[in-house]
Full PDB file with SEQRES, HELIX, SHEET, SSBOND, CRYST1, ORIGX, SCALE, CONECT and MASTER records, all heavy atoms in Angstrom:
SEQRES   1 A   38  ASP THR ALA LYS ALA THR ILE ALA PHE ARG ASN THR VAL          
SEQRES   2 A   38  GLY ARG GLY ASN GLU PRO ARG LYS PHE VAL ARG GLU ASP          
SEQRES   3 A   38  GLY PHE TRP LYS ASP CYS THR PRO GLU ALA THR GLN              
HELIX    1 AA1 GLU A   35  THR A   37  5                                   3    
SHEET    1 AA1 3 THR A   2  ASN A  11  0                                        
SHEET    2 AA1 3 GLY A  14  GLU A  25 -1                                        
SHEET    3 AA1 3 PHE A  28  ASP A  31 -1                                        
CRYST1    1.000    1.000    1.000  90.00  90.00  90.00 P 1           1          
ORIGX1      1.000000  0.000000  0.000000        0.00000                         
ORIGX2      0.000000  1.000000  0.000000        0.00000                         
ORIGX3      0.000000  0.000000  1.000000        0.00000                         
SCALE1      1.000000  0.000000  0.000000        0.00000                         
SCALE2      0.000000  1.000000  0.000000        0.00000                         
SCALE3      0.000000  0.000000  1.000000        0.00000                         
ATOM      1  N   ASP A   1      31.063  32.360 -60.888  1.00  0.00           N  
ATOM      2  CA  ASP A   1      32.452  32.649 -61.212  1.00  0.00           C  
ATOM      3  C   ASP A   1      32.838  32.220 -62.627  1.00  0.00           C  
ATOM      4  O   ASP A   1      34.022  32.092 -62.965  1.00  0.00           O  
ATOM      5  CB  ASP A   1      33.403  31.961 -60.221  1.00  0.00           C  
ATOM      6  CG  ASP A   1      33.372  32.613 -58.838  1.00  0.00           C  
ATOM      7  OD1 ASP A   1      33.033  33.816 -58.791  1.00  0.00           O  
ATOM      8  OD2 ASP A   1      33.669  31.939 -57.860  1.00  0.00           O  
ATOM      9  N   THR A   2      31.837  32.015 -63.458  1.00  0.00           N  
ATOM     10  CA  THR A   2      32.093  31.728 -64.865  1.00  0.00           C  
ATOM     11  C   THR A   2      31.273  32.698 -65.714  1.00  0.00           C  
ATOM     12  O   THR A   2      30.271  33.259 -65.274  1.00  0.00           O  
ATOM     13  CB  THR A   2      31.728  30.291 -65.261  1.00  0.00           C  
ATOM     14  OG1 THR A   2      30.312  30.093 -65.065  1.00  0.00           O  
ATOM     15  CG2 THR A   2      32.480  29.297 -64.397  1.00  0.00           C  
ATOM     16  N   ALA A   3      31.700  32.871 -66.919  1.00  0.00           N  
ATOM     17  CA  ALA A   3      31.002  33.787 -67.811  1.00  0.00           C  
ATOM     18  C   ALA A   3      31.235  33.377 -69.272  1.00  0.00           C  
ATOM     19  O   ALA A   3      32.208  32.713 -69.594  1.00  0.00           O  
ATOM     20  CB  ALA A   3      31.449  35.238 -67.616  1.00  0.00           C  
ATOM     21  N   LYS A   4      30.306  33.790 -70.108  1.00  0.00           N  
ATOM     22  CA  LYS A   4      30.431  33.590 -71.551  1.00  0.00           C  
ATOM     23  C   LYS A   4      30.266  34.930 -72.222  1.00  0.00           C  
ATOM     24  O   LYS A   4      29.474  35.769 -71.755  1.00  0.00           O  
ATOM     25  CB  LYS A   4      29.383  32.604 -72.065  1.00  0.00           C  
ATOM     26  CG  LYS A   4      29.527  31.182 -71.531  1.00  0.00           C  
ATOM     27  CD  LYS A   4      28.448  30.259 -72.085  1.00  0.00           C  
ATOM     28  CE  LYS A   4      28.571  28.869 -71.567  1.00  0.00           C  
ATOM     29  NZ  LYS A   4      27.516  27.946 -72.092  1.00  0.00           N  
ATOM     30  N   ALA A   5      31.005  35.142 -73.267  1.00  0.00           N  
ATOM     31  CA  ALA A   5      30.874  36.388 -73.991  1.00  0.00           C  
ATOM     32  C   ALA A   5      30.991  36.127 -75.489  1.00  0.00           C  
ATOM     33  O   ALA A   5      31.642  35.195 -75.941  1.00  0.00           O  
ATOM     34  CB  ALA A   5      31.956  37.377 -73.569  1.00  0.00           C  
ATOM     35  N   THR A   6      30.346  36.965 -76.264  1.00  0.00           N  
ATOM     36  CA  THR A   6      30.483  36.929 -77.727  1.00  0.00           C  
ATOM     37  C   THR A   6      31.355  38.092 -78.130  1.00  0.00           C  
ATOM     38  O   THR A   6      31.088  39.230 -77.765  1.00  0.00           O  
ATOM     39  CB  THR A   6      29.108  37.033 -78.407  1.00  0.00           C  
ATOM     40  OG1 THR A   6      28.272  35.921 -78.008  1.00  0.00           O  
ATOM     41  CG2 THR A   6      29.267  37.015 -79.917  1.00  0.00           C  
ATOM     42  N   ILE A   7      32.437  37.783 -78.831  1.00  0.00           N  
ATOM     43  CA  ILE A   7      33.378  38.782 -79.266  1.00  0.00           C  
ATOM     44  C   ILE A   7      33.260  38.983 -80.760  1.00  0.00           C  
ATOM     45  O   ILE A   7      33.451  38.042 -81.549  1.00  0.00           O  
ATOM     46  CB  ILE A   7      34.823  38.408 -78.919  1.00  0.00           C  
ATOM     47  CG1 ILE A   7      34.951  37.975 -77.447  1.00  0.00           C  
ATOM     48  CG2 ILE A   7      35.767  39.541 -79.239  1.00  0.00           C  
ATOM     49  CD1 ILE A   7      34.594  39.005 -76.422  1.00  0.00           C  
ATOM     50  N   ALA A   8      32.897  40.176 -81.165  1.00  0.00           N  
ATOM     51  CA  ALA A   8      32.880  40.508 -82.585  1.00  0.00           C  
ATOM     52  C   ALA A   8      34.251  40.995 -82.975  1.00  0.00           C  
ATOM     53  O   ALA A   8      34.829  41.877 -82.301  1.00  0.00           O  
ATOM     54  CB  ALA A   8      31.826  41.573 -82.870  1.00  0.00           C  
ATOM     55  N   PHE A   9      34.828  40.414 -84.025  1.00  0.00           N  
ATOM     56  CA  PHE A   9      36.159  40.844 -84.463  1.00  0.00           C  
ATOM     57  C   PHE A   9      36.070  41.335 -85.888  1.00  0.00           C  
ATOM     58  O   PHE A   9      35.209  40.964 -86.676  1.00  0.00           O  
ATOM     59  CB  PHE A   9      37.184  39.730 -84.322  1.00  0.00           C  
ATOM     60  CG  PHE A   9      36.894  38.514 -85.185  1.00  0.00           C  
ATOM     61  CD1 PHE A   9      37.303  38.458 -86.492  1.00  0.00           C  
ATOM     62  CD2 PHE A   9      36.230  37.406 -84.630  1.00  0.00           C  
ATOM     63  CE1 PHE A   9      37.049  37.325 -87.267  1.00  0.00           C  
ATOM     64  CE2 PHE A   9      35.956  36.279 -85.418  1.00  0.00           C  
ATOM     65  CZ  PHE A   9      36.362  36.250 -86.737  1.00  0.00           C  
ATOM     66  N   ARG A  10      37.017  42.208 -86.200  1.00  0.00           N  
ATOM     67  CA  ARG A  10      37.076  42.756 -87.570  1.00  0.00           C  
ATOM     68  C   ARG A  10      38.506  43.093 -87.894  1.00  0.00           C  
ATOM     69  O   ARG A  10      39.283  43.562 -87.045  1.00  0.00           O  
ATOM     70  CB  ARG A  10      36.221  44.017 -87.672  1.00  0.00           C  
ATOM     71  CG  ARG A  10      36.319  44.725 -89.017  1.00  0.00           C  
ATOM     72  CD  ARG A  10      35.628  46.079 -89.015  1.00  0.00           C  
ATOM     73  NE  ARG A  10      34.205  45.982 -88.762  1.00  0.00           N  
ATOM     74  CZ  ARG A  10      33.388  47.036 -88.728  1.00  0.00           C  
ATOM     75  NH1 ARG A  10      33.859  48.236 -88.894  1.00  0.00           N  
ATOM     76  NH2 ARG A  10      32.092  46.860 -88.520  1.00  0.00           N  
ATOM     77  N   ASN A  11      38.930  42.813 -89.126  1.00  0.00           N  
ATOM     78  CA  ASN A  11      40.177  43.298 -89.636  1.00  0.00           C  
ATOM     79  C   ASN A  11      39.967  43.671 -91.107  1.00  0.00           C  
ATOM     80  O   ASN A  11      38.826  43.722 -91.571  1.00  0.00           O  
ATOM     81  CB  ASN A  11      41.315  42.295 -89.425  1.00  0.00           C  
ATOM     82  CG  ASN A  11      41.019  40.966 -90.093  1.00  0.00           C  
ATOM     83  OD1 ASN A  11      40.307  40.893 -91.116  1.00  0.00           O  
ATOM     84  ND2 ASN A  11      41.552  39.890 -89.546  1.00  0.00           N  
ATOM     85  N   THR A  12      41.026  43.947 -91.809  1.00  0.00           N  
ATOM     86  CA  THR A  12      40.894  44.445 -93.168  1.00  0.00           C  
ATOM     87  C   THR A  12      40.433  43.389 -94.168  1.00  0.00           C  
ATOM     88  O   THR A  12      40.092  43.731 -95.304  1.00  0.00           O  
ATOM     89  CB  THR A  12      42.207  45.061 -93.673  1.00  0.00           C  
ATOM     90  OG1 THR A  12      43.260  44.085 -93.541  1.00  0.00           O  
ATOM     91  CG2 THR A  12      42.564  46.314 -92.862  1.00  0.00           C  
ATOM     92  N   VAL A  13      40.416  42.152 -93.768  1.00  0.00           N  
ATOM     93  CA  VAL A  13      39.986  41.078 -94.702  1.00  0.00           C  
ATOM     94  C   VAL A  13      38.652  40.457 -94.319  1.00  0.00           C  
ATOM     95  O   VAL A  13      38.171  39.587 -95.046  1.00  0.00           O  
ATOM     96  CB  VAL A  13      41.066  39.973 -94.808  1.00  0.00           C  
ATOM     97  CG1 VAL A  13      42.338  40.538 -95.399  1.00  0.00           C  
ATOM     98  CG2 VAL A  13      41.326  39.333 -93.464  1.00  0.00           C  
ATOM     99  N   GLY A  14      38.046  40.875 -93.267  1.00  0.00           N  
ATOM    100  CA  GLY A  14      36.777  40.293 -92.901  1.00  0.00           C  
ATOM    101  C   GLY A  14      36.370  40.565 -91.458  1.00  0.00           C  
ATOM    102  O   GLY A  14      37.052  41.281 -90.716  1.00  0.00           O  
ATOM    103  N   ARG A  15      35.264  39.957 -91.075  1.00  0.00           N  
ATOM    104  CA  ARG A  15      34.715  40.112 -89.729  1.00  0.00           C  
ATOM    105  C   ARG A  15      34.004  38.853 -89.335  1.00  0.00           C  
ATOM    106  O   ARG A  15      33.728  37.976 -90.155  1.00  0.00           O  
ATOM    107  CB  ARG A  15      33.769  41.298 -89.663  1.00  0.00           C  
ATOM    108  CG  ARG A  15      32.504  41.118 -90.498  1.00  0.00           C  
ATOM    109  CD  ARG A  15      31.576  42.308 -90.388  1.00  0.00           C  
ATOM    110  NE  ARG A  15      32.148  43.487 -91.041  1.00  0.00           N  
ATOM    111  CZ  ARG A  15      31.592  44.681 -90.984  1.00  0.00           C  
ATOM    112  NH1 ARG A  15      30.459  44.852 -90.306  1.00  0.00           N  
ATOM    113  NH2 ARG A  15      32.140  45.697 -91.591  1.00  0.00           N  
ATOM    114  N   GLY A  16      33.701  38.714 -88.059  1.00  0.00           N  
ATOM    115  CA  GLY A  16      32.984  37.560 -87.586  1.00  0.00           C  
ATOM    116  C   GLY A  16      32.747  37.657 -86.073  1.00  0.00           C  
ATOM    117  O   GLY A  16      33.045  38.680 -85.462  1.00  0.00           O  
ATOM    118  N   ASN A  17      32.226  36.570 -85.533  1.00  0.00           N  
ATOM    119  CA  ASN A  17      31.979  36.505 -84.093  1.00  0.00           C  
ATOM    120  C   ASN A  17      32.566  35.213 -83.552  1.00  0.00           C  
ATOM    121  O   ASN A  17      32.605  34.187 -84.226  1.00  0.00           O  
ATOM    122  CB  ASN A  17      30.470  36.530 -83.805  1.00  0.00           C  
ATOM    123  CG  ASN A  17      29.848  37.812 -84.206  1.00  0.00           C  
ATOM    124  OD1 ASN A  17      30.040  38.855 -83.560  1.00  0.00           O  
ATOM    125  ND2 ASN A  17      29.036  37.792 -85.277  1.00  0.00           N  
ATOM    126  N   GLU A  18      33.038  35.260 -82.325  1.00  0.00           N  
ATOM    127  CA  GLU A  18      33.560  34.064 -81.668  1.00  0.00           C  
ATOM    128  C   GLU A  18      33.117  34.022 -80.216  1.00  0.00           C  
ATOM    129  O   GLU A  18      33.131  35.045 -79.537  1.00  0.00           O  
ATOM    130  CB  GLU A  18      35.055  33.949 -81.768  1.00  0.00           C  
ATOM    131  CG  GLU A  18      35.819  35.078 -81.118  1.00  0.00           C  
ATOM    132  CD  GLU A  18      37.317  34.856 -81.158  1.00  0.00           C  
ATOM    133  OE1 GLU A  18      37.741  33.690 -81.239  1.00  0.00           O  
ATOM    134  OE2 GLU A  18      38.073  35.852 -81.045  1.00  0.00           O  
ATOM    135  N   PRO A  19      32.690  32.873 -79.728  1.00  0.00           N  
ATOM    136  CA  PRO A  19      32.342  32.718 -78.326  1.00  0.00           C  
ATOM    137  C   PRO A  19      33.597  32.588 -77.473  1.00  0.00           C  
ATOM    138  O   PRO A  19      34.567  31.940 -77.886  1.00  0.00           O  
ATOM    139  CB  PRO A  19      31.512  31.444 -78.297  1.00  0.00           C  
ATOM    140  CG  PRO A  19      32.067  30.630 -79.433  1.00  0.00           C  
ATOM    141  CD  PRO A  19      32.468  31.614 -80.496  1.00  0.00           C  
ATOM    142  N   ARG A  20      33.616  33.223 -76.296  1.00  0.00           N  
ATOM    143  CA  ARG A  20      34.714  33.095 -75.379  1.00  0.00           C  
ATOM    144  C   ARG A  20      34.223  32.715 -73.990  1.00  0.00           C  
ATOM    145  O   ARG A  20      33.118  33.105 -73.592  1.00  0.00           O  
ATOM    146  CB  ARG A  20      35.502  34.434 -75.266  1.00  0.00           C  
ATOM    147  CG  ARG A  20      35.898  35.066 -76.572  1.00  0.00           C  
ATOM    148  CD  ARG A  20      37.014  34.334 -77.278  1.00  0.00           C  
ATOM    149  NE  ARG A  20      38.259  34.261 -76.499  1.00  0.00           N  
ATOM    150  CZ  ARG A  20      39.400  33.829 -77.047  1.00  0.00           C  
ATOM    151  NH1 ARG A  20      39.449  33.479 -78.335  1.00  0.00           N  
ATOM    152  NH2 ARG A  20      40.498  33.770 -76.333  1.00  0.00           N  
ATOM    153  N   LYS A  21      35.032  31.954 -73.273  1.00  0.00           N  
ATOM    154  CA  LYS A  21      34.683  31.556 -71.926  1.00  0.00           C  
ATOM    155  C   LYS A  21      35.630  32.277 -70.954  1.00  0.00           C  
ATOM    156  O   LYS A  21      36.816  32.446 -71.237  1.00  0.00           O  
ATOM    157  CB  LYS A  21      34.847  30.038 -71.781  1.00  0.00           C  
ATOM    158  CG  LYS A  21      33.906  29.220 -72.656  1.00  0.00           C  
ATOM    159  CD  LYS A  21      34.165  27.705 -72.467  1.00  0.00           C  
ATOM    160  CE  LYS A  21      33.257  26.896 -73.338  1.00  0.00           C  
ATOM    161  NZ  LYS A  21      33.515  25.430 -73.209  1.00  0.00           N  
ATOM    162  N   PHE A  22      35.061  32.633 -69.790  1.00  0.00           N  
ATOM    163  CA  PHE A  22      35.843  33.357 -68.800  1.00  0.00           C  
ATOM    164  C   PHE A  22      35.626  32.723 -67.421  1.00  0.00           C  
ATOM    165  O   PHE A  22      34.557  32.143 -67.165  1.00  0.00           O  
ATOM    166  CB  PHE A  22      35.444  34.822 -68.717  1.00  0.00           C  
ATOM    167  CG  PHE A  22      35.744  35.600 -69.975  1.00  0.00           C  
ATOM    168  CD1 PHE A  22      34.886  35.549 -71.050  1.00  0.00           C  
ATOM    169  CD2 PHE A  22      36.885  36.364 -70.075  1.00  0.00           C  
ATOM    170  CE1 PHE A  22      35.154  36.264 -72.231  1.00  0.00           C  
ATOM    171  CE2 PHE A  22      37.168  37.077 -71.237  1.00  0.00           C  
ATOM    172  CZ  PHE A  22      36.282  37.005 -72.310  1.00  0.00           C  
ATOM    173  N   VAL A  23      36.639  32.775 -66.586  1.00  0.00           N  
ATOM    174  CA  VAL A  23      36.485  32.329 -65.171  1.00  0.00           C  
ATOM    175  C   VAL A  23      37.062  33.379 -64.286  1.00  0.00           C  
ATOM    176  O   VAL A  23      37.967  34.159 -64.675  1.00  0.00           O  
ATOM    177  CB  VAL A  23      37.209  30.972 -64.930  1.00  0.00           C  
ATOM    178  CG1 VAL A  23      36.624  29.875 -65.805  1.00  0.00           C  
ATOM    179  CG2 VAL A  23      38.716  31.094 -65.191  1.00  0.00           C  
ATOM    180  N   ARG A  24      36.585  33.439 -63.049  1.00  0.00           N  
ATOM    181  CA  ARG A  24      37.124  34.369 -62.071  1.00  0.00           C  
ATOM    182  C   ARG A  24      38.167  33.651 -61.225  1.00  0.00           C  
ATOM    183  O   ARG A  24      37.856  32.632 -60.592  1.00  0.00           O  
ATOM    184  CB  ARG A  24      35.969  34.887 -61.187  1.00  0.00           C  
ATOM    185  CG  ARG A  24      36.319  36.201 -60.459  1.00  0.00           C  
ATOM    186  CD  ARG A  24      35.318  36.508 -59.347  1.00  0.00           C  
ATOM    187  NE  ARG A  24      33.960  36.252 -59.688  1.00  0.00           N  
ATOM    188  CZ  ARG A  24      33.050  37.180 -60.042  1.00  0.00           C  
ATOM    189  NH1 ARG A  24      33.426  38.437 -60.181  1.00  0.00           N  
ATOM    190  NH2 ARG A  24      31.793  36.843 -60.285  1.00  0.00           N  
ATOM    191  N   GLU A  25      39.378  34.154 -61.264  1.00  0.00           N  
ATOM    192  CA  GLU A  25      40.483  33.574 -60.527  1.00  0.00           C  
ATOM    193  C   GLU A  25      41.034  34.630 -59.570  1.00  0.00           C  
ATOM    194  O   GLU A  25      41.478  35.699 -60.011  1.00  0.00           O  
ATOM    195  CB  GLU A  25      41.606  33.101 -61.442  1.00  0.00           C  
ATOM    196  CG  GLU A  25      41.264  31.867 -62.248  1.00  0.00           C  
ATOM    197  CD  GLU A  25      42.447  31.372 -63.094  1.00  0.00           C  
ATOM    198  OE1 GLU A  25      43.434  32.128 -63.218  1.00  0.00           O  
ATOM    199  OE2 GLU A  25      42.368  30.265 -63.607  1.00  0.00           O  
ATOM    200  N   ASP A  26      41.047  34.311 -58.302  1.00  0.00           N  
ATOM    201  CA  ASP A  26      41.573  35.232 -57.264  1.00  0.00           C  
ATOM    202  C   ASP A  26      40.938  36.617 -57.390  1.00  0.00           C  
ATOM    203  O   ASP A  26      41.604  37.658 -57.219  1.00  0.00           O  
ATOM    204  CB  ASP A  26      43.100  35.370 -57.381  1.00  0.00           C  
ATOM    205  CG  ASP A  26      43.804  34.025 -57.184  1.00  0.00           C  
ATOM    206  OD1 ASP A  26      43.322  33.241 -56.360  1.00  0.00           O  
ATOM    207  OD2 ASP A  26      44.806  33.754 -57.863  1.00  0.00           O  
ATOM    208  N   GLY A  27      39.657  36.601 -57.758  1.00  0.00           N  
ATOM    209  CA  GLY A  27      38.929  37.880 -57.828  1.00  0.00           C  
ATOM    210  C   GLY A  27      39.000  38.607 -59.143  1.00  0.00           C  
ATOM    211  O   GLY A  27      38.399  39.656 -59.309  1.00  0.00           O  
ATOM    212  N   PHE A  28      39.726  38.023 -60.113  1.00  0.00           N  
ATOM    213  CA  PHE A  28      39.893  38.664 -61.427  1.00  0.00           C  
ATOM    214  C   PHE A  28      39.393  37.774 -62.530  1.00  0.00           C  
ATOM    215  O   PHE A  28      39.641  36.546 -62.508  1.00  0.00           O  
ATOM    216  CB  PHE A  28      41.360  39.046 -61.655  1.00  0.00           C  
ATOM    217  CG  PHE A  28      41.928  40.005 -60.654  1.00  0.00           C  
ATOM    218  CD1 PHE A  28      42.634  39.554 -59.551  1.00  0.00           C  
ATOM    219  CD2 PHE A  28      41.717  41.368 -60.802  1.00  0.00           C  
ATOM    220  CE1 PHE A  28      43.164  40.433 -58.636  1.00  0.00           C  
ATOM    221  CE2 PHE A  28      42.249  42.275 -59.876  1.00  0.00           C  
ATOM    222  CZ  PHE A  28      42.964  41.819 -58.796  1.00  0.00           C  
ATOM    223  N   TRP A  29      38.738  38.348 -63.526  1.00  0.00           N  
ATOM    224  CA  TRP A  29      38.277  37.583 -64.670  1.00  0.00           C  
ATOM    225  C   TRP A  29      39.420  37.276 -65.615  1.00  0.00           C  
ATOM    226  O   TRP A  29      40.268  38.124 -65.877  1.00  0.00           O  
ATOM    227  CB  TRP A  29      37.170  38.340 -65.435  1.00  0.00           C  
ATOM    228  CG  TRP A  29      35.861  38.352 -64.718  1.00  0.00           C  
ATOM    229  CD1 TRP A  29      35.303  39.383 -64.048  1.00  0.00           C  
ATOM    230  CD2 TRP A  29      34.952  37.239 -64.632  1.00  0.00           C  
ATOM    231  NE1 TRP A  29      34.088  39.000 -63.522  1.00  0.00           N  
ATOM    232  CE2 TRP A  29      33.841  37.671 -63.853  1.00  0.00           C  
ATOM    233  CE3 TRP A  29      34.946  35.927 -65.081  1.00  0.00           C  
ATOM    234  CZ2 TRP A  29      32.757  36.865 -63.561  1.00  0.00           C  
ATOM    235  CZ3 TRP A  29      33.890  35.113 -64.808  1.00  0.00           C  
ATOM    236  CH2 TRP A  29      32.792  35.570 -64.042  1.00  0.00           C  
ATOM    237  N   LYS A  30      39.448  36.041 -66.104  1.00  0.00           N  
ATOM    238  CA  LYS A  30      40.464  35.590 -67.061  1.00  0.00           C  
ATOM    239  C   LYS A  30      39.785  34.898 -68.210  1.00  0.00           C  
ATOM    240  O   LYS A  30      38.786  34.182 -68.010  1.00  0.00           O  
ATOM    241  CB  LYS A  30      41.459  34.636 -66.398  1.00  0.00           C  
ATOM    242  CG  LYS A  30      42.265  35.263 -65.262  1.00  0.00           C  
ATOM    243  CD  LYS A  30      43.241  36.291 -65.742  1.00  0.00           C  
ATOM    244  CE  LYS A  30      44.093  36.850 -64.611  1.00  0.00           C  
ATOM    245  NZ  LYS A  30      45.105  37.841 -65.102  1.00  0.00           N  
ATOM    246  N   ASP A  31      40.314  35.060 -69.398  1.00  0.00           N  
ATOM    247  CA  ASP A  31      39.806  34.312 -70.562  1.00  0.00           C  
ATOM    248  C   ASP A  31      40.242  32.874 -70.396  1.00  0.00           C  
ATOM    249  O   ASP A  31      41.389  32.599 -70.139  1.00  0.00           O  
ATOM    250  CB  ASP A  31      40.413  34.906 -71.829  1.00  0.00           C  
ATOM    251  CG  ASP A  31      39.714  34.412 -73.093  1.00  0.00           C  
ATOM    252  OD1 ASP A  31      39.544  33.186 -73.219  1.00  0.00           O  
ATOM    253  OD2 ASP A  31      39.385  35.222 -73.970  1.00  0.00           O  
ATOM    254  N   CYS A  32      39.299  31.945 -70.559  1.00  0.00           N  
ATOM    255  CA  CYS A  32      39.629  30.520 -70.411  1.00  0.00           C  
ATOM    256  C   CYS A  32      39.109  29.741 -71.625  1.00  0.00           C  
ATOM    257  O   CYS A  32      38.687  28.589 -71.488  1.00  0.00           O  
ATOM    258  CB  CYS A  32      39.030  29.995 -69.104  1.00  0.00           C  
ATOM    259  SG  CYS A  32      39.987  28.635 -68.369  1.00  0.00           S  
ATOM    260  N   THR A  33      39.201  30.361 -72.776  1.00  0.00           N  
ATOM    261  CA  THR A  33      38.752  29.699 -74.010  1.00  0.00           C  
ATOM    262  C   THR A  33      39.792  28.639 -74.408  1.00  0.00           C  
ATOM    263  O   THR A  33      40.969  28.940 -74.570  1.00  0.00           O  
ATOM    264  CB  THR A  33      38.636  30.705 -75.150  1.00  0.00           C  
ATOM    265  OG1 THR A  33      37.799  31.803 -74.715  1.00  0.00           O  
ATOM    266  CG2 THR A  33      38.029  30.062 -76.390  1.00  0.00           C  
ATOM    267  N   PRO A  34      39.382  27.383 -74.553  1.00  0.00           N  
ATOM    268  CA  PRO A  34      40.325  26.334 -74.905  1.00  0.00           C  
ATOM    269  C   PRO A  34      41.045  26.627 -76.219  1.00  0.00           C  
ATOM    270  O   PRO A  34      40.511  27.225 -77.156  1.00  0.00           O  
ATOM    271  CB  PRO A  34      39.431  25.086 -75.060  1.00  0.00           C  
ATOM    272  CG  PRO A  34      38.256  25.397 -74.188  1.00  0.00           C  
ATOM    273  CD  PRO A  34      38.035  26.853 -74.334  1.00  0.00           C  
ATOM    274  N   GLU A  35      42.321  26.217 -76.275  1.00  0.00           N  
ATOM    275  CA  GLU A  35      43.123  26.489 -77.463  1.00  0.00           C  
ATOM    276  C   GLU A  35      42.483  25.985 -78.743  1.00  0.00           C  
ATOM    277  O   GLU A  35      42.577  26.639 -79.790  1.00  0.00           O  
ATOM    278  CB  GLU A  35      44.500  25.836 -77.282  1.00  0.00           C  
ATOM    279  CG  GLU A  35      45.484  26.091 -78.389  1.00  0.00           C  
ATOM    280  CD  GLU A  35      46.018  27.493 -78.388  1.00  0.00           C  
ATOM    281  OE1 GLU A  35      45.794  28.219 -77.420  1.00  0.00           O  
ATOM    282  OE2 GLU A  35      46.681  27.879 -79.381  1.00  0.00           O  
ATOM    283  N   ALA A  36      41.825  24.861 -78.646  1.00  0.00           N  
ATOM    284  CA  ALA A  36      41.240  24.244 -79.880  1.00  0.00           C  
ATOM    285  C   ALA A  36      40.217  25.168 -80.533  1.00  0.00           C  
ATOM    286  O   ALA A  36      40.018  25.120 -81.745  1.00  0.00           O  
ATOM    287  CB  ALA A  36      40.620  22.903 -79.560  1.00  0.00           C  
ATOM    288  N   THR A  37      39.562  25.991 -79.758  1.00  0.00           N  
ATOM    289  CA  THR A  37      38.524  26.860 -80.323  1.00  0.00           C  
ATOM    290  C   THR A  37      39.092  28.183 -80.801  1.00  0.00           C  
ATOM    291  O   THR A  37      38.348  29.032 -81.279  1.00  0.00           O  
ATOM    292  CB  THR A  37      37.399  27.138 -79.292  1.00  0.00           C  
ATOM    293  OG1 THR A  37      37.942  27.931 -78.248  1.00  0.00           O  
ATOM    294  CG2 THR A  37      36.833  25.867 -78.758  1.00  0.00           C  
ATOM    295  N   GLN A  38      40.397  28.397 -80.711  1.00  0.00           N  
ATOM    296  CA  GLN A  38      40.983  29.644 -81.134  1.00  0.00           C  
ATOM    297  C   GLN A  38      41.460  29.562 -82.585  1.00  0.00           C  
ATOM    298  O   GLN A  38      41.880  30.572 -83.164  1.00  0.00           O  
ATOM    299  CB  GLN A  38      42.163  30.026 -80.243  1.00  0.00           C  
ATOM    300  CG  GLN A  38      41.690  30.363 -78.818  1.00  0.00           C  
ATOM    301  CD  GLN A  38      42.852  30.755 -77.959  1.00  0.00           C  
ATOM    302  OE1 GLN A  38      43.955  30.996 -78.453  1.00  0.00           O  
ATOM    303  NE2 GLN A  38      42.646  30.852 -76.664  1.00  0.00           N  
TER     304      GLN A  38                                                      
MASTER        0    0    0    1    3    0    0    6  303    1    0    3          
END                                                                             
């Protein structure tokens, strides 16, 4: 019931990758990335 994903992001000033954590709650996946890593 946990997952990790790599999210590639891009905007007009640059691009990069960020790791995200997910958990399954009541049958649905939710992003659970701690605020500090955002």
